[in-house]
Amino acid sequence: MGVLFALTSAVCYGIVDFVGGILSRRVHFTTVTFLGQLGGLLFAVGAALLVPALSVHLADLCWGAISGVGSAVAML
């Protein structure tokens, strides 16, 4: 199952990276970054609801938030 998640993540990242590059030629890059992060958050919440964890700790949420901020900075 982990391999399937990793492959799906890599494919989604590649598609989003390509589309983001195309969109940033037409729209301001901060708008593309914001919409990309918002879409990622919505997708993550949907995935979390479909594949619930046995327990979620505060540290897990903090690491997820740090990852999101790091991704946003890298996208900018």
PDB file of N, CA and C in Angstrom:
ATOM      1  N   MET A   1       0.825  -1.189   0.000  1.00  0.00           N
ATOM      2  CA  MET A   1       0.000   0.000   0.000  1.00  0.00           C
ATOM      3  C   MET A   1       0.872   1.257   0.000  1.00  0.00           C
ATOM      4  N   GLY A   2       2.000   1.211   0.731  1.00  0.00           N
ATOM      5  CA  GLY A   2       2.898   2.360   0.788  1.00  0.00           C
ATOM      6  C   GLY A   2       3.474   2.713  -0.573  1.00  0.00           C
ATOM      7  N   VAL A   3       3.808   1.684  -1.351  1.00  0.00           N
ATOM      8  CA  VAL A   3       4.360   1.921  -2.683  1.00  0.00           C
ATOM      9  C   VAL A   3       3.319   2.604  -3.574  1.00  0.00           C
ATOM     10  N   LEU A   4       2.080   2.178  -3.466  1.00  0.00           N
ATOM     11  CA  LEU A   4       1.007   2.789  -4.253  1.00  0.00           C
ATOM     12  C   LEU A   4       0.825   4.262  -3.879  1.00  0.00           C
ATOM     13  N   PHE A   5       0.859   4.562  -2.586  1.00  0.00           N
ATOM     14  CA  PHE A   5       0.744   5.949  -2.139  1.00  0.00           C
ATOM     15  C   PHE A   5       1.921   6.785  -2.642  1.00  0.00           C
ATOM     16  N   ALA A   6       3.123   6.232  -2.578  1.00  0.00           N
ATOM     17  CA  ALA A   6       4.312   6.961  -3.033  1.00  0.00           C
ATOM     18  C   ALA A   6       4.243   7.231  -4.533  1.00  0.00           C
ATOM     19  N   LEU A   7       3.841   6.242  -5.303  1.00  0.00           N
ATOM     20  CA  LEU A   7       3.733   6.411  -6.748  1.00  0.00           C
ATOM     21  C   LEU A   7       2.660   7.435  -7.095  1.00  0.00           C
ATOM     22  N   THR A   8       1.528   7.356  -6.439  1.00  0.00           N
ATOM     23  CA  THR A   8       0.451   8.320  -6.667  1.00  0.00           C
ATOM     24  C   THR A   8       0.906   9.735  -6.306  1.00  0.00           C
ATOM     25  N   SER A   9       1.616   9.862  -5.206  1.00  0.00           N
ATOM     26  CA  SER A   9       2.129  11.162  -4.792  1.00  0.00           C
ATOM     27  C   SER A   9       3.105  11.722  -5.816  1.00  0.00           C
ATOM     28  N   ALA A  10       3.990  10.896  -6.322  1.00  0.00           N
ATOM     29  CA  ALA A  10       4.968  11.354  -7.310  1.00  0.00           C
ATOM     30  C   ALA A  10       4.291  11.784  -8.610  1.00  0.00           C
ATOM     31  N   VAL A  11       3.302  11.035  -9.049  1.00  0.00           N
ATOM     32  CA  VAL A  11       2.579  11.382 -10.275  1.00  0.00           C
ATOM     33  C   VAL A  11       1.825  12.703 -10.088  1.00  0.00           C
ATOM     34  N   CYS A  12       1.140  12.837  -8.967  1.00  0.00           N
ATOM     35  CA  CYS A  12       0.403  14.086  -8.699  1.00  0.00           C
ATOM     36  C   CYS A  12       1.347  15.272  -8.619  1.00  0.00           C
ATOM     37  N   TYR A  13       2.476  15.094  -7.960  1.00  0.00           N
ATOM     38  CA  TYR A  13       3.436  16.189  -7.836  1.00  0.00           C
ATOM     39  C   TYR A  13       3.958  16.610  -9.204  1.00  0.00           C
ATOM     40  N   GLY A  14       4.274  15.636 -10.043  1.00  0.00           N
ATOM     41  CA  GLY A  14       4.768  15.947 -11.379  1.00  0.00           C
ATOM     42  C   GLY A  14       3.746  16.701 -12.216  1.00  0.00           C
ATOM     43  N   ILE A  15       2.504  16.271 -12.161  1.00  0.00           N
ATOM     44  CA  ILE A  15       1.442  16.937 -12.922  1.00  0.00           C
ATOM     45  C   ILE A  15       1.235  18.362 -12.414  1.00  0.00           C
ATOM     46  N   VAL A  16       1.159  18.506 -11.106  1.00  0.00           N
ATOM     47  CA  VAL A  16       0.930  19.826 -10.517  1.00  0.00           C
ATOM     48  C   VAL A  16       2.111  20.752 -10.791  1.00  0.00           C
ATOM     49  N   ASP A  17       3.321  20.234 -10.740  1.00  0.00           N
ATOM     50  CA  ASP A  17       4.498  21.053 -11.023  1.00  0.00           C
ATOM     51  C   ASP A  17       4.471  21.550 -12.469  1.00  0.00           C
ATOM     52  N   PHE A  18       4.132  20.692 -13.391  1.00  0.00           N
ATOM     53  CA  PHE A  18       4.051  21.074 -14.798  1.00  0.00           C
ATOM     54  C   PHE A  18       2.954  22.115 -15.022  1.00  0.00           C
ATOM     55  N   VAL A  19       1.773  21.847 -14.507  1.00  0.00           N
ATOM     56  CA  VAL A  19       0.648  22.773 -14.691  1.00  0.00           C
ATOM     57  C   VAL A  19       0.934  24.110 -14.000  1.00  0.00           C
ATOM     58  N   GLY A  20       1.562  24.067 -12.825  1.00  0.00           N
ATOM     59  CA  GLY A  20       1.921  25.305 -12.139  1.00  0.00           C
ATOM     60  C   GLY A  20       2.890  26.147 -12.946  1.00  0.00           C
ATOM     61  N   GLY A  21       3.837  25.495 -13.606  1.00  0.00           N
ATOM     62  CA  GLY A  21       4.769  26.224 -14.464  1.00  0.00           C
ATOM     63  C   GLY A  21       4.073  26.889 -15.634  1.00  0.00           C
ATOM     64  N   ILE A  22       3.128  26.181 -16.225  1.00  0.00           N
ATOM     65  CA  ILE A  22       2.367  26.755 -17.336  1.00  0.00           C
ATOM     66  C   ILE A  22       1.503  27.924 -16.851  1.00  0.00           C
ATOM     67  N   LEU A  23       0.830  27.732 -15.712  1.00  0.00           N
ATOM     68  CA  LEU A  23      -0.048  28.791 -15.188  1.00  0.00           C
ATOM     69  C   LEU A  23       0.729  30.029 -14.767  1.00  0.00           C
ATOM     70  N   SER A  24       1.944  29.842 -14.253  1.00  0.00           N
ATOM     71  CA  SER A  24       2.701  30.999 -13.771  1.00  0.00           C
ATOM     72  C   SER A  24       3.145  31.907 -14.914  1.00  0.00           C
ATOM     73  N   ARG A  25       3.010  31.466 -16.141  1.00  0.00           N
ATOM     74  CA  ARG A  25       3.284  32.339 -17.283  1.00  0.00           C
ATOM     75  C   ARG A  25       2.121  33.300 -17.531  1.00  0.00           C
ATOM     76  N   ARG A  26       0.932  32.908 -17.098  1.00  0.00           N
ATOM     77  CA  ARG A  26      -0.268  33.706 -17.373  1.00  0.00           C
ATOM     78  C   ARG A  26      -0.785  34.443 -16.152  1.00  0.00           C
ATOM     79  N   VAL A  27      -0.559  33.874 -14.971  1.00  0.00           N
ATOM     80  CA  VAL A  27      -1.090  34.417 -13.721  1.00  0.00           C
ATOM     81  C   VAL A  27       0.099  34.682 -12.792  1.00  0.00           C
ATOM     82  N   HIS A  28      -0.035  35.648 -11.887  1.00  0.00           N
ATOM     83  CA  HIS A  28       1.046  35.963 -10.951  1.00  0.00           C
ATOM     84  C   HIS A  28       1.416  34.719 -10.142  1.00  0.00           C
ATOM     85  N   PHE A  29       2.710  34.547  -9.901  1.00  0.00           N
ATOM     86  CA  PHE A  29       3.186  33.329  -9.256  1.00  0.00           C
ATOM     87  C   PHE A  29       2.657  33.150  -7.835  1.00  0.00           C
ATOM     88  N   THR A  30       2.377  34.232  -7.108  1.00  0.00           N
ATOM     89  CA  THR A  30       1.838  34.074  -5.756  1.00  0.00           C
ATOM     90  C   THR A  30       0.425  33.493  -5.798  1.00  0.00           C
ATOM     91  N   THR A  31      -0.339  33.842  -6.809  1.00  0.00           N
ATOM     92  CA  THR A  31      -1.682  33.278  -6.966  1.00  0.00           C
ATOM     93  C   THR A  31      -1.593  31.783  -7.255  1.00  0.00           C
ATOM     94  N   VAL A  32      -0.660  31.406  -8.116  1.00  0.00           N
ATOM     95  CA  VAL A  32      -0.470  29.983  -8.442  1.00  0.00           C
ATOM     96  C   VAL A  32      -0.035  29.217  -7.195  1.00  0.00           C
ATOM     97  N   THR A  33       0.876  29.806  -6.427  1.00  0.00           N
ATOM     98  CA  THR A  33       1.348  29.156  -5.198  1.00  0.00           C
ATOM     99  C   THR A  33       0.210  28.987  -4.201  1.00  0.00           C
ATOM    100  N   PHE A  34      -0.575  30.038  -3.997  1.00  0.00           N
ATOM    101  CA  PHE A  34      -1.688  29.970  -3.051  1.00  0.00           C
ATOM    102  C   PHE A  34      -2.698  28.904  -3.470  1.00  0.00           C
ATOM    103  N   LEU A  35      -3.062  28.897  -4.738  1.00  0.00           N
ATOM    104  CA  LEU A  35      -4.043  27.910  -5.201  1.00  0.00           C
ATOM    105  C   LEU A  35      -3.482  26.493  -5.135  1.00  0.00           C
ATOM    106  N   GLY A  36      -2.193  26.348  -5.406  1.00  0.00           N
ATOM    107  CA  GLY A  36      -1.563  25.037  -5.296  1.00  0.00           C
ATOM    108  C   GLY A  36      -1.567  24.514  -3.872  1.00  0.00           C
ATOM    109  N   GLN A  37      -1.250  25.389  -2.932  1.00  0.00           N
ATOM    110  CA  GLN A  37      -1.255  24.991  -1.527  1.00  0.00           C
ATOM    111  C   GLN A  37      -2.672  24.702  -1.034  1.00  0.00           C
ATOM    112  N   LEU A  38      -3.625  25.506  -1.468  1.00  0.00           N
ATOM    113  CA  LEU A  38      -5.021  25.276  -1.079  1.00  0.00           C
ATOM    114  C   LEU A  38      -5.521  23.940  -1.631  1.00  0.00           C
ATOM    115  N   GLY A  39      -5.196  23.661  -2.881  1.00  0.00           N
ATOM    116  CA  GLY A  39      -5.580  22.374  -3.473  1.00  0.00           C
ATOM    117  C   GLY A  39      -4.933  21.201  -2.757  1.00  0.00           C
ATOM    118  N   GLY A  40      -3.673  21.358  -2.385  1.00  0.00           N
ATOM    119  CA  GLY A  40      -2.990  20.302  -1.637  1.00  0.00           C
ATOM    120  C   GLY A  40      -3.613  20.060  -0.277  1.00  0.00           C
ATOM    121  N   LEU A  41      -3.997  21.147   0.392  1.00  0.00           N
ATOM    122  CA  LEU A  41      -4.651  21.018   1.692  1.00  0.00           C
ATOM    123  C   LEU A  41      -5.991  20.299   1.562  1.00  0.00           C
ATOM    124  N   LEU A  42      -6.777  20.671   0.568  1.00  0.00           N
ATOM    125  CA  LEU A  42      -8.074  20.021   0.366  1.00  0.00           C
ATOM    126  C   LEU A  42      -7.909  18.540   0.039  1.00  0.00           C
ATOM    127  N   PHE A  43      -6.916  18.235  -0.784  1.00  0.00           N
ATOM    128  CA  PHE A  43      -6.654  16.835  -1.134  1.00  0.00           C
ATOM    129  C   PHE A  43      -6.210  16.048   0.099  1.00  0.00           C
ATOM    130  N   ALA A  44      -5.354  16.646   0.926  1.00  0.00           N
ATOM    131  CA  ALA A  44      -4.873  15.976   2.137  1.00  0.00           C
ATOM    132  C   ALA A  44      -6.011  15.717   3.127  1.00  0.00           C
ATOM    133  N   VAL A  45      -6.888  16.700   3.275  1.00  0.00           N
ATOM    134  CA  VAL A  45      -8.038  16.523   4.177  1.00  0.00           C
ATOM    135  C   VAL A  45      -8.946  15.408   3.652  1.00  0.00           C
ATOM    136  N   GLY A  46      -9.191  15.407   2.343  1.00  0.00           N
ATOM    137  CA  GLY A  46     -10.005  14.338   1.756  1.00  0.00           C
ATOM    138  C   GLY A  46      -9.373  12.966   1.946  1.00  0.00           C
ATOM    139  N   ALA A  47      -8.064  12.879   1.743  1.00  0.00           N
ATOM    140  CA  ALA A  47      -7.373  11.607   1.938  1.00  0.00           C
ATOM    141  C   ALA A  47      -7.422  11.177   3.400  1.00  0.00           C
ATOM    142  N   ALA A  48      -7.292  12.139   4.310  1.00  0.00           N
ATOM    143  CA  ALA A  48      -7.339  11.821   5.732  1.00  0.00           C
ATOM    144  C   ALA A  48      -8.719  11.289   6.140  1.00  0.00           C
ATOM    145  N   LEU A  49      -9.750  11.802   5.500  1.00  0.00           N
ATOM    146  CA  LEU A  49     -11.097  11.318   5.816  1.00  0.00           C
ATOM    147  C   LEU A  49     -11.350   9.925   5.230  1.00  0.00           C
ATOM    148  N   LEU A  50     -10.735   9.633   4.095  1.00  0.00           N
ATOM    149  CA  LEU A  50     -10.922   8.325   3.465  1.00  0.00           C
ATOM    150  C   LEU A  50     -10.061   7.240   4.095  1.00  0.00           C
ATOM    151  N   VAL A  51      -8.888   7.617   4.582  1.00  0.00           N
ATOM    152  CA  VAL A  51      -7.959   6.660   5.180  1.00  0.00           C
ATOM    153  C   VAL A  51      -7.626   7.153   6.590  1.00  0.00           C
ATOM    154  N   PRO A  52      -8.543   6.954   7.522  1.00  0.00           N
ATOM    155  CA  PRO A  52      -8.330   7.505   8.865  1.00  0.00           C
ATOM    156  C   PRO A  52      -7.210   6.775   9.615  1.00  0.00           C
ATOM    157  N   ALA A  53      -6.504   7.520  10.442  1.00  0.00           N
ATOM    158  CA  ALA A  53      -5.452   6.951  11.286  1.00  0.00           C
ATOM    159  C   ALA A  53      -6.062   6.490  12.601  1.00  0.00           C
ATOM    160  N   LEU A  54      -5.357   5.575  13.251  1.00  0.00           N
ATOM    161  CA  LEU A  54      -5.833   5.113  14.550  1.00  0.00           C
ATOM    162  C   LEU A  54      -5.751   6.233  15.591  1.00  0.00           C
ATOM    163  N   SER A  55      -4.687   7.025  15.512  1.00  0.00           N
ATOM    164  CA  SER A  55      -4.553   8.167  16.406  1.00  0.00           C
ATOM    165  C   SER A  55      -3.697   9.228  15.722  1.00  0.00           C
ATOM    166  N   VAL A  56      -4.012  10.466  15.985  1.00  0.00           N
ATOM    167  CA  VAL A  56      -3.258  11.595  15.441  1.00  0.00           C
ATOM    168  C   VAL A  56      -2.789  12.431  16.614  1.00  0.00           C
ATOM    169  N   HIS A  57      -1.482  12.627  16.686  1.00  0.00           N
ATOM    170  CA  HIS A  57      -0.902  13.398  17.778  1.00  0.00           C
ATOM    171  C   HIS A  57      -0.620  14.824  17.306  1.00  0.00           C
ATOM    172  N   LEU A  58      -0.465  15.721  18.245  1.00  0.00           N
ATOM    173  CA  LEU A  58      -0.181  17.110  17.933  1.00  0.00           C
ATOM    174  C   LEU A  58       1.123  17.235  17.140  1.00  0.00           C
ATOM    175  N   ALA A  59       2.094  16.418  17.471  1.00  0.00           N
ATOM    176  CA  ALA A  59       3.370  16.450  16.747  1.00  0.00           C
ATOM    177  C   ALA A  59       3.173  16.104  15.274  1.00  0.00           C
ATOM    178  N   ASP A  60       2.275  15.178  14.986  1.00  0.00           N
ATOM    179  CA  ASP A  60       1.985  14.817  13.595  1.00  0.00           C
ATOM    180  C   ASP A  60       1.427  16.013  12.825  1.00  0.00           C
ATOM    181  N   LEU A  61       0.506  16.728  13.437  1.00  0.00           N
ATOM    182  CA  LEU A  61      -0.081  17.911  12.800  1.00  0.00           C
ATOM    183  C   LEU A  61       0.954  19.019  12.621  1.00  0.00           C
ATOM    184  N   CYS A  62       1.836  19.176  13.601  1.00  0.00           N
ATOM    185  CA  CYS A  62       2.889  20.187  13.493  1.00  0.00           C
ATOM    186  C   CYS A  62       3.845  19.859  12.353  1.00  0.00           C
ATOM    187  N   TRP A  63       4.243  18.599  12.224  1.00  0.00           N
ATOM    188  CA  TRP A  63       5.130  18.207  11.125  1.00  0.00           C
ATOM    189  C   TRP A  63       4.442  18.417   9.773  1.00  0.00           C
ATOM    190  N   GLY A  64       3.160  18.149   9.704  1.00  0.00           N
ATOM    191  CA  GLY A  64       2.416  18.392   8.473  1.00  0.00           C
ATOM    192  C   GLY A  64       2.364  19.869   8.121  1.00  0.00           C
ATOM    193  N   ALA A  65       2.156  20.710   9.133  1.00  0.00           N
ATOM    194  CA  ALA A  65       2.120  22.153   8.900  1.00  0.00           C
ATOM    195  C   ALA A  65       3.490  22.671   8.464  1.00  0.00           C
ATOM    196  N   ILE A  66       4.546  22.178   9.093  1.00  0.00           N
ATOM    197  CA  ILE A  66       5.903  22.580   8.706  1.00  0.00           C
ATOM    198  C   ILE A  66       6.186  22.152   7.269  1.00  0.00           C
ATOM    199  N   SER A  67       5.731  20.981   6.912  1.00  0.00           N
ATOM    200  CA  SER A  67       5.909  20.505   5.536  1.00  0.00           C
ATOM    201  C   SER A  67       5.171  21.396   4.539  1.00  0.00           C
ATOM    202  N   GLY A  68       3.974  21.798   4.874  1.00  0.00           N
ATOM    203  CA  GLY A  68       3.201  22.676   4.001  1.00  0.00           C
ATOM    204  C   GLY A  68       3.860  24.033   3.831  1.00  0.00           C
ATOM    205  N   VAL A  69       4.359  24.586   4.913  1.00  0.00           N
ATOM    206  CA  VAL A  69       5.049  25.889   4.840  1.00  0.00           C
ATOM    207  C   VAL A  69       6.319  25.747   4.003  1.00  0.00           C
ATOM    208  N   GLY A  70       7.060  24.669   4.216  1.00  0.00           N
ATOM    209  CA  GLY A  70       8.275  24.429   3.439  1.00  0.00           C
ATOM    210  C   GLY A  70       7.973  24.281   1.954  1.00  0.00           C
ATOM    211  N   SER A  71       6.896  23.601   1.624  1.00  0.00           N
ATOM    212  CA  SER A  71       6.502  23.459   0.227  1.00  0.00           C
ATOM    213  C   SER A  71       6.123  24.800  -0.382  1.00  0.00           C
ATOM    214  N   ALA A  72       5.411  25.613   0.377  1.00  0.00           N
ATOM    215  CA  ALA A  72       5.002  26.933  -0.116  1.00  0.00           C
ATOM    216  C   ALA A  72       6.218  27.811  -0.383  1.00  0.00           C
ATOM    217  N   VAL A  73       7.178  27.795   0.549  1.00  0.00           N
ATOM    218  CA  VAL A  73       8.388  28.593   0.356  1.00  0.00           C
ATOM    219  C   VAL A  73       9.168  28.094  -0.859  1.00  0.00           C
ATOM    220  N   ALA A  74       9.256  26.790  -1.021  1.00  0.00           N
ATOM    221  CA  ALA A  74       9.965  26.227  -2.179  1.00  0.00           C
ATOM    222  C   ALA A  74       9.264  26.584  -3.479  1.00  0.00           C
ATOM    223  N   MET A  75       7.939  26.612  -3.472  1.00  0.00           N
ATOM    224  CA  MET A  75       7.190  26.952  -4.685  1.00  0.00           C
ATOM    225  C   MET A  75       7.402  28.420  -5.064  1.00  0.00           C
ATOM    226  N   LEU A  76       7.488  29.281  -4.053  1.00  0.00           N
ATOM    227  CA  LEU A  76       7.714  30.701  -4.329  1.00  0.00           C
ATOM    228  C   LEU A  76       9.098  30.911  -4.894  1.00  0.00           C
TER     229      LEU A  76
END
